[in-house]
Amino acid sequence: MKTSLFRALLPVAAVFALASCEKPVSSDVAATVNGRSISYTSLDRAIRIQIPASSSQKVTADQTIQLRLEVLRALIDQEIMLQRAEKEGLLASDSDVEMQFNEKKAPYTKEELEKEFEKRKMTEADFKAELRTDLSVKKLFAKEIDSRISISDNDVAAFYRANKANYNLPENTVHLAQILVTSTPDPNVINLKNSKAQNDQQAHEKIEMIKAKLLQGEDFGTVAANYSEDETAANGGDAGFILESTLEKGANPELRRVILNMTPGQISQVVKTPEGYRIIKLISREMAGQRAFTDPRVQEQIRGELFQGKEQMLRAAFYEVARSEAKITNYYAKSVLDNRDKK
């Protein structure tokens, strides 16, 4: 049976197609997860969706291999999570998918939507399949992780007491979140999608993809955790409180101008800085002085930080356990090693 061209998006039809372990492995199979195949066709399609193949810059053979390994790892993780969602009866329903699709397409005219699909080499069915996957995995995380996290009032109070000095603001500050995409991938930075641009052209294309997701209403923290390429990705992009004087002294002039002219809740356009392409969210502005524990915003912020920290930790552990329980064969990685000595 031939695999779907959009196997990278894990369409529901493919979820139920079990591959026989006894049959010879097709030359188009890049990896298998519990007997279900991920094809090279799907791998290449996923790369084109994530980073459109419009780059005019040359990349080395090693960079191409690294990108393919990273994207395939993400597809393997996606397949593992989808299979677990299926096993627990958490696959998104047709009505859930249709509702989400209507929300996503609302900002577009019919012609604009068709152009978006054409640019990404997708069909409406492909896009709905991707939505089904995302919704199913979210349902899985909600059940297995979020529902089991409890942040008590005592937890919040204890955190405030231990970090009270951090809530005494010596001067006016801004509370920021950011998404950063760089042209030089840092192996020490990990995001949930294991997504890293390899050069400036790819970085520009990736930040535009992220911008489109935000314009479609996707949660900033979720997008940051999935794609941002700096240490704040682990906190959903939250960069904490920054003194306005720090902005005056150290920030890129254009970045400083953007931040100082934003209103709380606003998300910026793409800003190019020496470190890479950034999108900023201004969470709040705070006046100088001690922020009291009785301030509802302080308690809400602490509760959110504690929840997010536990969620990130448990999600990472959940992925590791799920990988260890799955039977994974990465044929592409094996082929890379088999050819290591070949010129």
Protein backbone atom coordinates (compact mmCIF):
# COMPACT_ATOMS: atom_id res chain seq x y z
CA MET A 1 0.00 0.00 0.00
CA LYS A 2 1.41 3.37 -0.94
CA THR A 3 1.71 5.94 1.82
CA SER A 4 -0.15 9.24 1.53
CA LEU A 5 1.76 12.19 0.14
CA PHE A 6 0.85 14.05 3.32
CA ARG A 7 2.03 11.36 5.71
CA ALA A 8 4.02 14.18 7.38
CA LEU A 9 0.70 15.63 8.52
CA LEU A 10 -0.42 12.25 9.80
CA PRO A 11 -3.86 12.09 8.11
CA VAL A 12 -6.35 9.99 9.97
CA ALA A 13 -6.59 7.39 7.20
CA ALA A 14 -2.92 6.61 7.74
CA VAL A 15 -3.36 6.26 11.48
CA PHE A 16 -5.27 3.03 10.97
CA ALA A 17 -2.98 1.57 8.27
CA LEU A 18 -0.80 -1.03 10.00
CA ALA A 19 2.32 -2.16 8.21
CA SER A 20 3.23 -5.85 8.39
CA CYS A 21 6.60 -6.43 10.00
CA GLU A 22 7.16 -9.52 7.92
CA LYS A 23 7.12 -7.77 4.56
CA PRO A 24 10.28 -6.21 3.09
CA VAL A 25 10.61 -2.57 3.97
CA SER A 26 9.91 -0.25 1.07
CA SER A 27 12.75 1.96 -0.11
CA ASP A 28 10.44 4.93 0.58
CA VAL A 29 10.22 4.20 4.32
CA ALA A 30 12.28 6.61 6.40
CA ALA A 31 11.17 5.21 9.77
CA THR A 32 8.56 3.03 11.42
CA VAL A 33 6.76 3.50 14.73
CA ASN A 34 5.14 0.36 16.08
CA GLY A 35 4.96 -0.94 12.52
CA ARG A 36 3.49 2.20 10.96
CA SER A 37 5.68 3.80 8.36
CA ILE A 38 6.82 7.36 7.80
CA SER A 39 7.91 7.71 4.19
CA TYR A 40 10.71 9.73 2.65
CA THR A 41 8.02 11.36 0.55
CA SER A 42 6.34 12.45 3.78
CA LEU A 43 9.62 13.61 5.28
CA ASP A 44 10.42 15.82 2.31
CA ARG A 45 6.87 17.19 2.32
CA ALA A 46 7.12 18.02 6.02
CA ILE A 47 10.35 19.93 5.40
CA ARG A 48 8.73 21.93 2.62
CA ILE A 49 5.76 22.76 4.84
CA GLN A 50 7.92 23.82 7.76
CA ILE A 51 10.51 25.65 5.67
CA PRO A 52 9.29 26.34 2.12
CA ALA A 53 11.78 25.38 -0.56
CA SER A 54 12.23 28.92 -1.85
CA SER A 55 15.64 29.60 -0.39
CA SER A 56 18.16 31.08 -2.78
CA GLN A 57 21.02 30.35 -0.38
CA LYS A 58 23.09 27.21 -0.64
CA VAL A 59 23.22 24.79 2.26
CA THR A 60 25.84 22.15 2.81
CA ALA A 61 25.14 18.44 2.54
CA ASP A 62 25.70 18.11 6.30
CA GLN A 63 23.18 20.87 7.03
CA THR A 64 20.62 19.14 4.84
CA ILE A 65 21.16 15.83 6.60
CA GLN A 66 20.88 17.49 10.01
CA LEU A 67 17.61 19.16 9.05
CA ARG A 68 16.16 15.90 7.75
CA LEU A 69 17.17 14.08 10.96
CA GLU A 70 15.53 16.78 13.10
CA VAL A 71 12.30 16.85 11.11
CA LEU A 72 12.10 13.06 11.05
CA ARG A 73 12.56 12.99 14.83
CA ALA A 74 9.62 15.39 15.14
CA LEU A 75 7.49 13.20 12.84
CA ILE A 76 8.35 10.14 14.90
CA ASP A 77 7.34 11.92 18.12
CA GLN A 78 4.14 13.08 16.45
CA GLU A 79 3.29 9.55 15.36
CA ILE A 80 3.97 8.20 18.86
CA MET A 81 1.65 10.77 20.43
CA LEU A 82 -1.04 10.21 17.82
CA GLN A 83 -0.98 6.47 18.39
CA ARG A 84 -1.33 7.01 22.14
CA ALA A 85 -4.26 9.38 21.57
CA GLU A 86 -5.88 6.74 19.35
CA LYS A 87 -5.32 4.04 21.97
CA GLU A 88 -7.02 6.17 24.63
CA GLY A 89 -9.95 7.08 22.38
CA LEU A 90 -8.91 10.73 22.14
CA LEU A 91 -8.83 11.26 18.39
CA ALA A 92 -10.50 14.56 17.52
CA SER A 93 -13.98 14.27 16.05
CA ASP A 94 -15.02 15.53 12.63
CA SER A 95 -17.04 18.30 14.28
CA ASP A 96 -14.01 19.41 16.33
CA VAL A 97 -11.90 19.54 13.19
CA GLU A 98 -14.54 21.41 11.21
CA MET A 99 -15.00 23.99 13.97
CA GLN A 100 -11.25 24.58 14.19
CA PHE A 101 -10.95 24.79 10.42
CA ASN A 102 -13.68 27.44 10.23
CA GLU A 103 -11.86 29.49 12.87
CA LYS A 104 -8.55 29.21 11.03
CA LYS A 105 -9.92 30.19 7.64
CA ALA A 106 -12.03 33.11 8.93
CA PRO A 107 -9.37 35.82 8.29
CA TYR A 108 -8.92 34.71 4.65
CA THR A 109 -10.97 35.13 1.51
CA LYS A 110 -11.49 32.00 -0.58
CA GLU A 111 -8.81 33.15 -3.03
CA GLU A 112 -6.33 33.93 -0.23
CA LEU A 113 -6.91 30.55 1.36
CA GLU A 114 -6.32 28.78 -1.94
CA LYS A 115 -3.06 30.69 -2.38
CA GLU A 116 -1.95 29.69 1.10
CA PHE A 117 -2.64 26.03 0.35
CA GLU A 118 -0.86 26.27 -2.99
CA LYS A 119 2.17 27.93 -1.40
CA ARG A 120 2.42 25.13 1.15
CA LYS A 121 1.56 22.41 -1.41
CA MET A 122 -1.46 21.41 0.67
CA THR A 123 -5.10 20.66 0.06
CA GLU A 124 -8.00 21.43 2.36
CA ALA A 125 -8.10 17.75 3.31
CA ASP A 126 -4.40 17.82 4.17
CA PHE A 127 -4.88 20.85 6.38
CA LYS A 128 -7.82 19.25 8.17
CA ALA A 129 -5.72 16.14 8.76
CA GLU A 130 -3.05 18.30 10.37
CA LEU A 131 -5.69 19.95 12.55
CA ARG A 132 -6.98 16.53 13.62
CA THR A 133 -3.50 15.52 14.69
CA ASP A 134 -2.90 18.72 16.65
CA LEU A 135 -6.28 18.55 18.38
CA SER A 136 -5.84 14.86 19.23
CA VAL A 137 -2.42 15.41 20.77
CA LYS A 138 -3.74 18.40 22.74
CA LYS A 139 -6.52 16.21 24.11
CA LEU A 140 -3.91 13.62 25.09
CA PHE A 141 -1.78 16.19 26.93
CA ALA A 142 -4.86 17.69 28.61
CA LYS A 143 -5.79 14.28 30.01
CA GLU A 144 -2.36 12.88 30.84
CA ILE A 145 -0.57 16.06 31.96
CA ASP A 146 -2.62 19.21 32.49
CA SER A 147 -5.43 17.52 34.45
CA ARG A 148 -2.90 16.12 36.90
CA ILE A 149 -1.19 19.40 37.75
CA SER A 150 -2.36 21.05 40.96
CA ILE A 151 -1.04 24.42 42.14
CA SER A 152 -2.24 25.18 45.66
CA ASP A 153 -2.58 28.57 47.33
CA ASN A 154 0.24 27.48 49.65
CA ASP A 155 2.46 26.80 46.63
CA VAL A 156 1.80 30.31 45.34
CA ALA A 157 2.40 31.93 48.74
CA ALA A 158 5.60 29.96 49.32
CA PHE A 159 6.94 30.97 45.90
CA TYR A 160 6.19 34.63 46.63
CA ARG A 161 7.96 34.49 50.00
CA ALA A 162 11.01 32.82 48.48
CA ASN A 163 11.17 35.30 45.61
CA LYS A 164 9.73 38.45 47.19
CA ALA A 165 12.74 40.52 46.17
CA ASN A 166 11.97 39.77 42.54
CA TYR A 167 8.65 41.59 42.94
CA ASN A 168 10.26 44.77 44.30
CA LEU A 169 10.77 46.76 41.14
CA PRO A 170 13.45 49.47 41.44
CA GLU A 171 12.07 51.24 38.38
CA ASN A 172 9.44 50.91 35.72
CA THR A 173 9.64 47.55 33.99
CA VAL A 174 8.11 45.67 31.09
CA HIS A 175 7.09 42.03 31.24
CA LEU A 176 7.91 40.45 27.91
CA ALA A 177 7.61 37.18 26.04
CA GLN A 178 9.44 36.51 22.80
CA ILE A 179 9.97 34.13 19.94
CA LEU A 180 13.47 34.11 18.48
CA VAL A 181 14.60 32.39 15.27
CA THR A 182 18.30 32.36 14.47
CA SER A 183 20.32 31.54 11.37
CA THR A 184 22.90 29.55 13.36
CA PRO A 185 21.26 26.62 15.22
CA ASP A 186 22.30 26.23 18.85
CA PRO A 187 22.51 22.55 19.91
CA ASN A 188 21.89 23.58 23.53
CA VAL A 189 18.48 25.09 22.76
CA ILE A 190 15.57 22.68 22.59
CA ASN A 191 12.02 23.43 21.51
CA LEU A 192 9.15 20.95 21.41
CA LYS A 193 9.22 20.61 17.61
CA ASN A 194 13.02 20.35 17.56
CA SER A 195 12.81 23.04 14.88
CA LYS A 196 15.92 25.03 14.01
CA ALA A 197 16.66 27.15 10.95
CA GLN A 198 19.98 26.43 9.27
CA ASN A 199 20.65 29.79 7.60
CA ASP A 200 19.25 33.30 7.30
CA GLN A 201 16.86 32.47 4.48
CA GLN A 202 15.38 29.57 6.40
CA ALA A 203 15.21 31.74 9.53
CA HIS A 204 13.26 34.41 7.64
CA GLU A 205 10.87 31.83 6.20
CA LYS A 206 10.38 30.19 9.59
CA ILE A 207 9.59 33.46 11.39
CA GLU A 208 7.05 34.27 8.67
CA MET A 209 5.44 30.86 9.25
CA ILE A 210 5.32 31.62 12.98
CA LYS A 211 3.85 35.05 12.31
CA ALA A 212 1.10 33.42 10.25
CA LYS A 213 0.27 31.03 13.09
CA LEU A 214 -0.03 33.93 15.53
CA LEU A 215 -2.22 35.90 13.13
CA GLN A 216 -4.48 32.85 12.91
CA GLY A 217 -4.97 33.06 16.67
CA GLU A 218 -2.64 30.34 17.93
CA ASP A 219 -1.49 30.79 21.52
CA PHE A 220 1.78 32.74 21.78
CA GLY A 221 3.19 30.56 24.56
CA THR A 222 2.44 27.34 22.68
CA VAL A 223 4.00 28.62 19.47
CA ALA A 224 7.07 29.82 21.40
CA ALA A 225 7.47 26.45 23.13
CA ASN A 226 7.19 24.68 19.79
CA TYR A 227 9.46 26.84 17.66
CA SER A 228 11.49 29.50 19.52
CA GLU A 229 15.26 29.05 19.36
CA ASP A 230 16.37 30.46 22.69
CA GLU A 231 16.21 29.39 26.32
CA THR A 232 12.83 31.06 26.88
CA ALA A 233 11.17 28.37 24.73
CA ALA A 234 11.00 26.15 27.82
CA ASN A 235 8.83 28.84 29.48
CA GLY A 236 6.58 29.50 26.52
CA GLY A 237 8.72 32.46 25.50
CA ASP A 238 8.38 34.28 28.84
CA ALA A 239 11.45 36.50 29.23
CA GLY A 240 10.38 37.91 32.60
CA PHE A 241 10.54 41.51 33.76
CA ILE A 242 13.02 43.85 32.12
CA LEU A 243 13.97 47.29 33.43
CA GLU A 244 13.20 50.12 31.05
CA SER A 245 16.74 51.44 31.63
CA THR A 246 18.07 48.10 30.36
CA LEU A 247 16.17 48.67 27.16
CA GLU A 248 17.67 52.13 26.87
CA LYS A 249 21.23 50.91 27.38
CA GLY A 250 21.44 47.49 25.80
CA ALA A 251 18.58 46.75 23.46
CA ASN A 252 18.73 46.99 19.71
CA PRO A 253 17.37 50.48 18.83
CA GLU A 254 14.57 49.14 16.63
CA LEU A 255 13.62 46.51 19.21
CA ARG A 256 13.60 49.16 21.96
CA ARG A 257 11.40 51.45 19.87
CA VAL A 258 8.93 48.63 19.20
CA ILE A 259 8.69 47.59 22.87
CA LEU A 260 8.29 51.10 24.26
CA ASN A 261 5.44 51.79 21.84
CA MET A 262 3.50 48.58 22.52
CA THR A 263 0.43 48.21 24.72
CA PRO A 264 -0.11 45.27 27.12
CA GLY A 265 -1.31 42.17 25.28
CA GLN A 266 0.01 43.39 21.92
CA ILE A 267 2.15 41.17 19.69
CA SER A 268 4.76 42.90 17.53
CA GLN A 269 5.62 42.49 13.91
CA VAL A 270 8.85 40.67 13.05
CA VAL A 271 11.91 42.59 14.25
CA LYS A 272 15.36 41.75 12.89
CA THR A 273 18.10 41.98 15.52
CA PRO A 274 21.77 40.89 15.56
CA GLU A 275 20.72 37.67 17.34
CA GLY A 276 18.02 36.80 14.82
CA TYR A 277 14.39 37.45 13.98
CA ARG A 278 12.13 38.23 16.95
CA ILE A 279 8.44 38.55 17.64
CA ILE A 280 7.67 40.23 20.97
CA LYS A 281 4.58 40.07 23.17
CA LEU A 282 4.18 42.78 25.82
CA ILE A 283 2.50 41.05 28.74
CA SER A 284 2.35 44.05 31.07
CA ARG A 285 3.96 47.30 32.20
CA GLU A 286 4.76 47.62 35.89
CA MET A 287 5.48 50.75 37.92
CA ALA A 288 8.43 50.91 40.33
CA GLY A 289 7.91 49.59 43.89
CA GLN A 290 7.08 46.43 45.80
CA ARG A 291 4.36 44.39 44.19
CA ALA A 292 2.18 43.04 47.02
CA PHE A 293 1.14 39.41 47.24
CA THR A 294 -2.46 40.60 47.53
CA ASP A 295 -2.22 41.94 43.97
CA PRO A 296 -4.29 39.43 41.92
CA ARG A 297 -1.93 39.90 38.98
CA VAL A 298 1.02 38.74 41.12
CA GLN A 299 -0.81 35.60 42.21
CA GLU A 300 -1.99 34.90 38.69
CA GLN A 301 1.53 35.34 37.35
CA ILE A 302 3.04 33.03 39.96
CA ARG A 303 0.35 30.40 39.45
CA GLY A 304 0.92 30.54 35.71
CA GLU A 305 4.69 30.23 36.09
CA LEU A 306 4.38 27.26 38.46
CA PHE A 307 1.86 25.53 36.20
CA GLN A 308 3.94 26.12 33.09
CA GLY A 309 7.09 24.86 34.78
CA LYS A 310 5.38 21.64 35.88
CA GLU A 311 3.75 21.22 32.49
CA GLN A 312 7.04 21.55 30.60
CA MET A 313 8.76 19.10 32.97
CA LEU A 314 5.98 16.52 32.80
CA ARG A 315 5.62 16.86 29.04
CA ALA A 316 9.34 16.21 28.57
CA ALA A 317 9.09 13.14 30.81
CA PHE A 318 5.95 11.98 28.97
CA TYR A 319 7.78 12.14 25.63
CA GLU A 320 10.73 10.18 27.00
CA VAL A 321 8.53 7.42 28.46
CA ALA A 322 6.45 7.25 25.28
CA ARG A 323 9.58 6.91 23.15
CA SER A 324 10.95 4.16 25.39
CA GLU A 325 7.70 2.19 25.11
CA ALA A 326 7.46 2.53 21.33
CA LYS A 327 9.20 0.30 18.81
CA ILE A 328 11.00 2.75 16.56
CA THR A 329 13.24 1.99 13.60
CA ASN A 330 14.89 5.02 12.01
CA TYR A 331 16.05 3.78 8.62
CA TYR A 332 17.21 7.22 7.51
CA ALA A 333 19.49 7.63 10.55
CA LYS A 334 20.89 4.17 9.88
CA SER A 335 21.58 5.10 6.26
CA VAL A 336 23.44 8.22 7.43
CA LEU A 337 25.70 6.08 9.61
CA ASP A 338 26.12 3.40 6.93
CA ASN A 339 27.41 6.08 4.54
CA ARG A 340 29.63 7.92 7.06
CA ASP A 341 32.86 6.85 5.37
CA LYS A 342 31.71 7.37 1.82
CA LYS A 343 32.82 10.45 -0.09
